[in-house]
Every structure is written in C-alpha cells, then in structure tokens.
Amino acid sequence: MPLVSIVRHRLTDVVLYAERRGEAAIVSRVLVGAAGRRAAEALSGTASEPLSDESARMIREYLDGRVIDLSSIAAEVGAVSPFRSAVLNAARRIPYGSTRSYTELASLAGFPAAVRAAASVMRRNPLPLVIPCHRVVRSDGSAGAYCGAREGEDVALKKALLQLERSALKKRPLCR
C-alpha cells in the first residue's frame, strides 16, 4: 500500500504519494491544483498509512510563504528516458523565486533544440512543487500552461506560486 499525505491549503490541496524504502519514504507522485483537489476529495476519509510528517510540513510551510527549498524532499520519478531525466533534473535546480523559459530549460538539460519536447516533459511532471515546473515560463515572461492546463484553476495556481515566491524572497532568505 502506498503512503499518502494530504495537505489542505487555501492555495491548493496537495496529495503526496510515496513508497517506503527501509525507514525512508520516497515521494513518487504529487498532485496539485485541480488534480490535487479531486484526489484529496476522493481520499478523504479513506484509511492509508500517512507519509512522513516532514514532507507534508515542508509543503505546508512553502504554501504559507516560507522561503523553503523543496528539493531536499526525497523523491524519485522512476524509470524514464535520459532526455526526460535531464529535463526534470534541470527543472529541479531552478532556484526558489527564479524562472527559466522553456528554451532555457531545454538548454540547461543539454538539448537546446528540444524546446517543445522539454515543455512536454514539464506538462507531465509527476512531482510538481518538488520539481518546480511552475518556475518554467514562456519566453515572453508570461506564465504559460501548468500541469497540462492552458487556462483556469491550474494556470491561476502557477501564477499564485510565482507571486508567492517573489513576495517571500523580499521578506526572508532561502532556508533548507
């Protein structure tokens, strides 16, 4: 049975799925936005072994506006192609409060000609927030899509997360 934690927050519900490896819990899937809300509602009241309180605490503090680096959450995306791995790793290294364009992301991943393919990897990111795909924006600086949505609740969430990070950085230094 996978470990599951639900973080309910005014910005978004976050559902974290993990697998136990020895004493460690490794996050394998994160749902936010519309998918997070639907999953949180579906899981409400069901019995499951909760994920480590530390991961859920970090997510909650991040959503509360604390400058916190979520890359320390133990996470794994499973078996993926070398290209997809490179793009996800490049996105995971985008600093809190910063953004990169899809073009920059493709270059950082070592595949400068694969901009559309890099965008496709971001659209299917299994670990939003932990791999901060919300920090990848269009080259004109606009937010672009989020979690596969081009408009609506998910794009509004992406904009809110970017604003949250900009505001928080003005107040506090980065914590790990």
C-alpha atoms as a PDB file:
ATOM      1  CA  MET A   1       0.000   0.000   0.000  1.00  0.00           C
ATOM      2  CA  PRO A   2       1.469   3.394  -0.923  1.00  0.00           C
ATOM      3  CA  LEU A   3       1.925   6.060   1.704  1.00  0.00           C
ATOM      4  CA  VAL A   4      -0.341   9.073   1.203  1.00  0.00           C
ATOM      5  CA  SER A   5      -0.455  12.542   2.716  1.00  0.00           C
ATOM      6  CA  ILE A   6      -2.965  15.270   2.000  1.00  0.00           C
ATOM      7  CA  VAL A   7      -2.002  18.886   2.585  1.00  0.00           C
ATOM      8  CA  ARG A   8      -5.083  21.103   2.519  1.00  0.00           C
ATOM      9  CA  HIS A   9      -4.257  24.751   1.928  1.00  0.00           C
ATOM     10  CA  ARG A  10      -6.087  27.844   0.709  1.00  0.00           C
ATOM     11  CA  LEU A  11      -3.872  27.947  -2.412  1.00  0.00           C
ATOM     12  CA  THR A  12      -4.267  24.304  -3.343  1.00  0.00           C
ATOM     13  CA  ASP A  13      -4.744  20.835  -1.992  1.00  0.00           C
ATOM     14  CA  VAL A  14      -1.602  18.742  -2.383  1.00  0.00           C
ATOM     15  CA  VAL A  15      -1.637  14.957  -2.368  1.00  0.00           C
ATOM     16  CA  LEU A  16       1.708  13.210  -1.927  1.00  0.00           C
ATOM     17  CA  TYR A  17       2.160   9.524  -2.727  1.00  0.00           C
ATOM     18  CA  ALA A  18       5.274   7.696  -1.576  1.00  0.00           C
ATOM     19  CA  GLU A  19       6.783   4.267  -1.230  1.00  0.00           C
ATOM     20  CA  ARG A  20       8.614   3.003   1.806  1.00  0.00           C
ATOM     21  CA  ARG A  21      12.230   2.018   1.271  1.00  0.00           C
ATOM     22  CA  GLY A  22      13.597   0.762   4.550  1.00  0.00           C
ATOM     23  CA  GLU A  23      12.997   3.569   7.015  1.00  0.00           C
ATOM     24  CA  ALA A  24      12.711   6.215   4.278  1.00  0.00           C
ATOM     25  CA  ALA A  25       9.618   7.352   2.405  1.00  0.00           C
ATOM     26  CA  ILE A  26      10.378   8.257  -1.217  1.00  0.00           C
ATOM     27  CA  VAL A  27       7.804  10.544  -2.852  1.00  0.00           C
ATOM     28  CA  SER A  28       6.805   9.165  -6.249  1.00  0.00           C
ATOM     29  CA  ARG A  29       3.826  11.357  -7.205  1.00  0.00           C
ATOM     30  CA  VAL A  30       2.494  14.776  -6.254  1.00  0.00           C
ATOM     31  CA  LEU A  31      -0.892  16.122  -7.287  1.00  0.00           C
ATOM     32  CA  VAL A  32      -1.712  19.838  -7.064  1.00  0.00           C
ATOM     33  CA  GLY A  33      -4.322  22.170  -8.474  1.00  0.00           C
ATOM     34  CA  ALA A  34      -7.456  20.604  -9.906  1.00  0.00           C
ATOM     35  CA  ALA A  35      -5.966  17.085  -9.755  1.00  0.00           C
ATOM     36  CA  GLY A  36      -4.899  17.639  -6.133  1.00  0.00           C
ATOM     37  CA  ARG A  37      -8.355  18.856  -5.159  1.00  0.00           C
ATOM     38  CA  ARG A  38     -10.061  15.892  -6.847  1.00  0.00           C
ATOM     39  CA  ALA A  39      -7.664  13.381  -5.263  1.00  0.00           C
ATOM     40  CA  ALA A  40      -7.982  14.975  -1.797  1.00  0.00           C
ATOM     41  CA  GLU A  41     -11.770  14.759  -2.044  1.00  0.00           C
ATOM     42  CA  ALA A  42     -11.646  11.144  -3.234  1.00  0.00           C
ATOM     43  CA  LEU A  43      -9.216  10.120  -0.488  1.00  0.00           C
ATOM     44  CA  SER A  44     -11.000  11.982   2.283  1.00  0.00           C
ATOM     45  CA  GLY A  45     -11.989   9.503   4.958  1.00  0.00           C
ATOM     46  CA  THR A  46     -10.101   6.560   3.473  1.00  0.00           C
ATOM     47  CA  ALA A  47      -7.533   4.722   5.542  1.00  0.00           C
ATOM     48  CA  SER A  48      -3.929   4.855   4.402  1.00  0.00           C
ATOM     49  CA  GLU A  49      -0.564   4.971   6.064  1.00  0.00           C
ATOM     50  CA  PRO A  50       0.463   8.636   6.179  1.00  0.00           C
ATOM     51  CA  LEU A  51       3.635   9.843   4.562  1.00  0.00           C
ATOM     52  CA  SER A  52       6.360  11.349   6.736  1.00  0.00           C
ATOM     53  CA  ASP A  53       5.158  14.449   8.511  1.00  0.00           C
ATOM     54  CA  GLU A  54       8.364  16.200   7.407  1.00  0.00           C
ATOM     55  CA  SER A  55       7.460  16.235   3.689  1.00  0.00           C
ATOM     56  CA  ALA A  56       3.920  17.426   4.384  1.00  0.00           C
ATOM     57  CA  ARG A  57       5.239  20.043   6.829  1.00  0.00           C
ATOM     58  CA  MET A  58       7.675  21.379   4.221  1.00  0.00           C
ATOM     59  CA  ILE A  59       4.932  21.612   1.582  1.00  0.00           C
ATOM     60  CA  ARG A  60       2.606  23.399   4.023  1.00  0.00           C
ATOM     61  CA  GLU A  61       5.305  25.892   5.042  1.00  0.00           C
ATOM     62  CA  TYR A  62       6.148  26.518   1.393  1.00  0.00           C
ATOM     63  CA  LEU A  63       2.485  27.253   0.614  1.00  0.00           C
ATOM     64  CA  ASP A  64       2.326  29.517   3.679  1.00  0.00           C
ATOM     65  CA  GLY A  65       5.027  31.663   2.065  1.00  0.00           C
ATOM     66  CA  ARG A  66       8.112  30.456   3.875  1.00  0.00           C
ATOM     67  CA  VAL A  67      11.192  30.548   1.669  1.00  0.00           C
ATOM     68  CA  ILE A  68      11.970  26.848   1.668  1.00  0.00           C
ATOM     69  CA  ASP A  69      13.807  24.622  -0.780  1.00  0.00           C
ATOM     70  CA  LEU A  70      11.661  21.571  -1.505  1.00  0.00           C
ATOM     71  CA  SER A  71      14.486  19.807  -3.360  1.00  0.00           C
ATOM     72  CA  SER A  72      15.501  18.160  -0.075  1.00  0.00           C
ATOM     73  CA  ILE A  73      12.308  16.060  -0.144  1.00  0.00           C
ATOM     74  CA  ALA A  74      13.341  12.510  -1.032  1.00  0.00           C
ATOM     75  CA  ALA A  75      11.676  11.891  -4.387  1.00  0.00           C
ATOM     76  CA  GLU A  76      12.060   9.657  -7.401  1.00  0.00           C
ATOM     77  CA  VAL A  77      10.316   9.655 -10.766  1.00  0.00           C
ATOM     78  CA  GLY A  78      11.051   6.044 -11.626  1.00  0.00           C
ATOM     79  CA  ALA A  79      12.437   4.741 -14.895  1.00  0.00           C
ATOM     80  CA  VAL A  80      12.463   7.497 -17.508  1.00  0.00           C
ATOM     81  CA  SER A  81      14.432   8.218 -20.657  1.00  0.00           C
ATOM     82  CA  PRO A  82      17.768  10.039 -20.365  1.00  0.00           C
ATOM     83  CA  PHE A  83      16.159  13.086 -22.026  1.00  0.00           C
ATOM     84  CA  ARG A  84      13.259  13.218 -19.592  1.00  0.00           C
ATOM     85  CA  SER A  85      15.610  12.714 -16.646  1.00  0.00           C
ATOM     86  CA  ALA A  86      17.846  15.574 -17.833  1.00  0.00           C
ATOM     87  CA  VAL A  87      14.885  17.950 -18.213  1.00  0.00           C
ATOM     88  CA  LEU A  88      13.390  17.043 -14.814  1.00  0.00           C
ATOM     89  CA  ASN A  89      16.795  17.434 -13.127  1.00  0.00           C
ATOM     90  CA  ALA A  90      17.351  20.804 -14.821  1.00  0.00           C
ATOM     91  CA  ALA A  91      13.933  21.986 -13.637  1.00  0.00           C
ATOM     92  CA  ARG A  92      14.616  20.767 -10.097  1.00  0.00           C
ATOM     93  CA  ARG A  93      17.690  23.027  -9.999  1.00  0.00           C
ATOM     94  CA  ILE A  94      15.769  26.237 -10.797  1.00  0.00           C
ATOM     95  CA  PRO A  95      16.213  28.337  -7.654  1.00  0.00           C
ATOM     96  CA  TYR A  96      13.322  29.481  -5.494  1.00  0.00           C
ATOM     97  CA  GLY A  97      11.961  32.792  -6.780  1.00  0.00           C
ATOM     98  CA  SER A  98      13.601  32.398 -10.213  1.00  0.00           C
ATOM     99  CA  THR A  99      12.115  31.449 -13.533  1.00  0.00           C
ATOM    100  CA  ARG A 100      13.504  29.953 -16.720  1.00  0.00           C
ATOM    101  CA  SER A 101      11.945  29.885 -20.146  1.00  0.00           C
ATOM    102  CA  TYR A 102      11.205  26.595 -21.859  1.00  0.00           C
ATOM    103  CA  THR A 103      14.082  27.462 -24.240  1.00  0.00           C
ATOM    104  CA  GLU A 104      16.464  27.973 -21.305  1.00  0.00           C
ATOM    105  CA  LEU A 105      15.271  24.737 -19.693  1.00  0.00           C
ATOM    106  CA  ALA A 106      15.975  22.741 -22.860  1.00  0.00           C
ATOM    107  CA  SER A 107      19.488  24.249 -22.997  1.00  0.00           C
ATOM    108  CA  LEU A 108      20.128  23.612 -19.302  1.00  0.00           C
ATOM    109  CA  ALA A 109      19.129  19.987 -19.862  1.00  0.00           C
ATOM    110  CA  GLY A 110      21.668  19.740 -22.716  1.00  0.00           C
ATOM    111  CA  PHE A 111      19.113  19.628 -25.536  1.00  0.00           C
ATOM    112  CA  PRO A 112      18.834  23.204 -26.866  1.00  0.00           C
ATOM    113  CA  ALA A 113      16.847  22.202 -29.964  1.00  0.00           C
ATOM    114  CA  ALA A 114      14.234  20.237 -27.989  1.00  0.00           C
ATOM    115  CA  VAL A 115      12.158  23.114 -26.587  1.00  0.00           C
ATOM    116  CA  ARG A 116       8.752  21.595 -27.348  1.00  0.00           C
ATOM    117  CA  ALA A 117       9.828  18.210 -26.005  1.00  0.00           C
ATOM    118  CA  ALA A 118      11.089  19.865 -22.791  1.00  0.00           C
ATOM    119  CA  ALA A 119       7.709  21.613 -22.451  1.00  0.00           C
ATOM    120  CA  SER A 120       6.026  18.226 -22.865  1.00  0.00           C
ATOM    121  CA  VAL A 121       8.130  16.816 -20.013  1.00  0.00           C
ATOM    122  CA  MET A 122       7.029  19.726 -17.807  1.00  0.00           C
ATOM    123  CA  ARG A 123       3.383  19.114 -18.738  1.00  0.00           C
ATOM    124  CA  ARG A 124       3.733  15.532 -17.444  1.00  0.00           C
ATOM    125  CA  ASN A 125       5.871  16.334 -14.389  1.00  0.00           C
ATOM    126  CA  PRO A 126       4.942  13.717 -11.762  1.00  0.00           C
ATOM    127  CA  LEU A 127       6.308  15.823  -8.880  1.00  0.00           C
ATOM    128  CA  PRO A 128       5.057  19.419  -9.154  1.00  0.00           C
ATOM    129  CA  LEU A 129       6.374  21.672  -6.363  1.00  0.00           C
ATOM    130  CA  VAL A 130       9.184  19.179  -5.630  1.00  0.00           C
ATOM    131  CA  ILE A 131      10.312  19.552  -9.251  1.00  0.00           C
ATOM    132  CA  PRO A 132       9.222  23.179  -9.628  1.00  0.00           C
ATOM    133  CA  CYS A 133       7.763  23.180 -13.142  1.00  0.00           C
ATOM    134  CA  HIS A 134       5.797  26.291 -12.147  1.00  0.00           C
ATOM    135  CA  ARG A 135       9.121  28.176 -12.475  1.00  0.00           C
ATOM    136  CA  VAL A 136       9.264  27.425 -16.206  1.00  0.00           C
ATOM    137  CA  VAL A 137       7.566  30.179 -18.185  1.00  0.00           C
ATOM    138  CA  ARG A 138       7.129  31.280 -21.774  1.00  0.00           C
ATOM    139  CA  SER A 139       9.941  33.256 -23.406  1.00  0.00           C
ATOM    140  CA  ASP A 140       7.816  36.417 -23.267  1.00  0.00           C
ATOM    141  CA  GLY A 141       7.696  36.055 -19.468  1.00  0.00           C
ATOM    142  CA  SER A 142       4.040  35.031 -19.288  1.00  0.00           C
ATOM    143  CA  ALA A 143       3.140  32.044 -17.145  1.00  0.00           C
ATOM    144  CA  GLY A 144       2.128  29.620 -19.861  1.00  0.00           C
ATOM    145  CA  ALA A 145       0.486  26.305 -19.025  1.00  0.00           C
ATOM    146  CA  TYR A 146       0.616  24.392 -15.738  1.00  0.00           C
ATOM    147  CA  CYS A 147       0.035  20.693 -15.108  1.00  0.00           C
ATOM    148  CA  GLY A 148      -1.227  20.345 -18.665  1.00  0.00           C
ATOM    149  CA  ALA A 149      -3.805  23.143 -18.412  1.00  0.00           C
ATOM    150  CA  ARG A 150      -3.569  26.262 -20.578  1.00  0.00           C
ATOM    151  CA  GLU A 151      -6.163  28.193 -18.578  1.00  0.00           C
ATOM    152  CA  GLY A 152      -8.307  28.048 -15.466  1.00  0.00           C
ATOM    153  CA  GLU A 153      -7.578  26.883 -11.940  1.00  0.00           C
ATOM    154  CA  ASP A 154      -4.171  25.338 -12.650  1.00  0.00           C
ATOM    155  CA  VAL A 155      -2.762  28.351 -14.522  1.00  0.00           C
ATOM    156  CA  ALA A 156      -4.073  30.619 -11.747  1.00  0.00           C
ATOM    157  CA  LEU A 157      -2.234  28.396  -9.262  1.00  0.00           C
ATOM    158  CA  LYS A 158       1.010  28.700 -11.262  1.00  0.00           C
ATOM    159  CA  LYS A 159       0.726  32.490 -11.189  1.00  0.00           C
ATOM    160  CA  ALA A 160      -0.038  32.422  -7.450  1.00  0.00           C
ATOM    161  CA  LEU A 161       3.011  30.230  -6.754  1.00  0.00           C
ATOM    162  CA  LEU A 162       5.287  32.559  -8.729  1.00  0.00           C
ATOM    163  CA  GLN A 163       3.888  35.574  -6.858  1.00  0.00           C
ATOM    164  CA  LEU A 164       4.211  33.754  -3.525  1.00  0.00           C
ATOM    165  CA  GLU A 165       7.907  33.129  -4.182  1.00  0.00           C
ATOM    166  CA  ARG A 166       8.609  36.697  -5.329  1.00  0.00           C
ATOM    167  CA  SER A 167       6.875  38.116  -2.255  1.00  0.00           C
ATOM    168  CA  ALA A 168       8.517  35.714   0.173  1.00  0.00           C
ATOM    169  CA  LEU A 169      12.015  36.409  -1.160  1.00  0.00           C
ATOM    170  CA  LYS A 170      11.555  40.112  -0.457  1.00  0.00           C
ATOM    171  CA  LYS A 171      10.965  39.240   3.206  1.00  0.00           C
ATOM    172  CA  ARG A 172      13.272  36.283   4.003  1.00  0.00           C
ATOM    173  CA  PRO A 173      16.405  34.453   2.851  1.00  0.00           C
ATOM    174  CA  LEU A 174      16.290  30.923   1.472  1.00  0.00           C
ATOM    175  CA  CYS A 175      16.048  28.123   4.083  1.00  0.00           C
ATOM    176  CA  ARG A 176      16.933  24.468   3.554  1.00  0.00           C
END
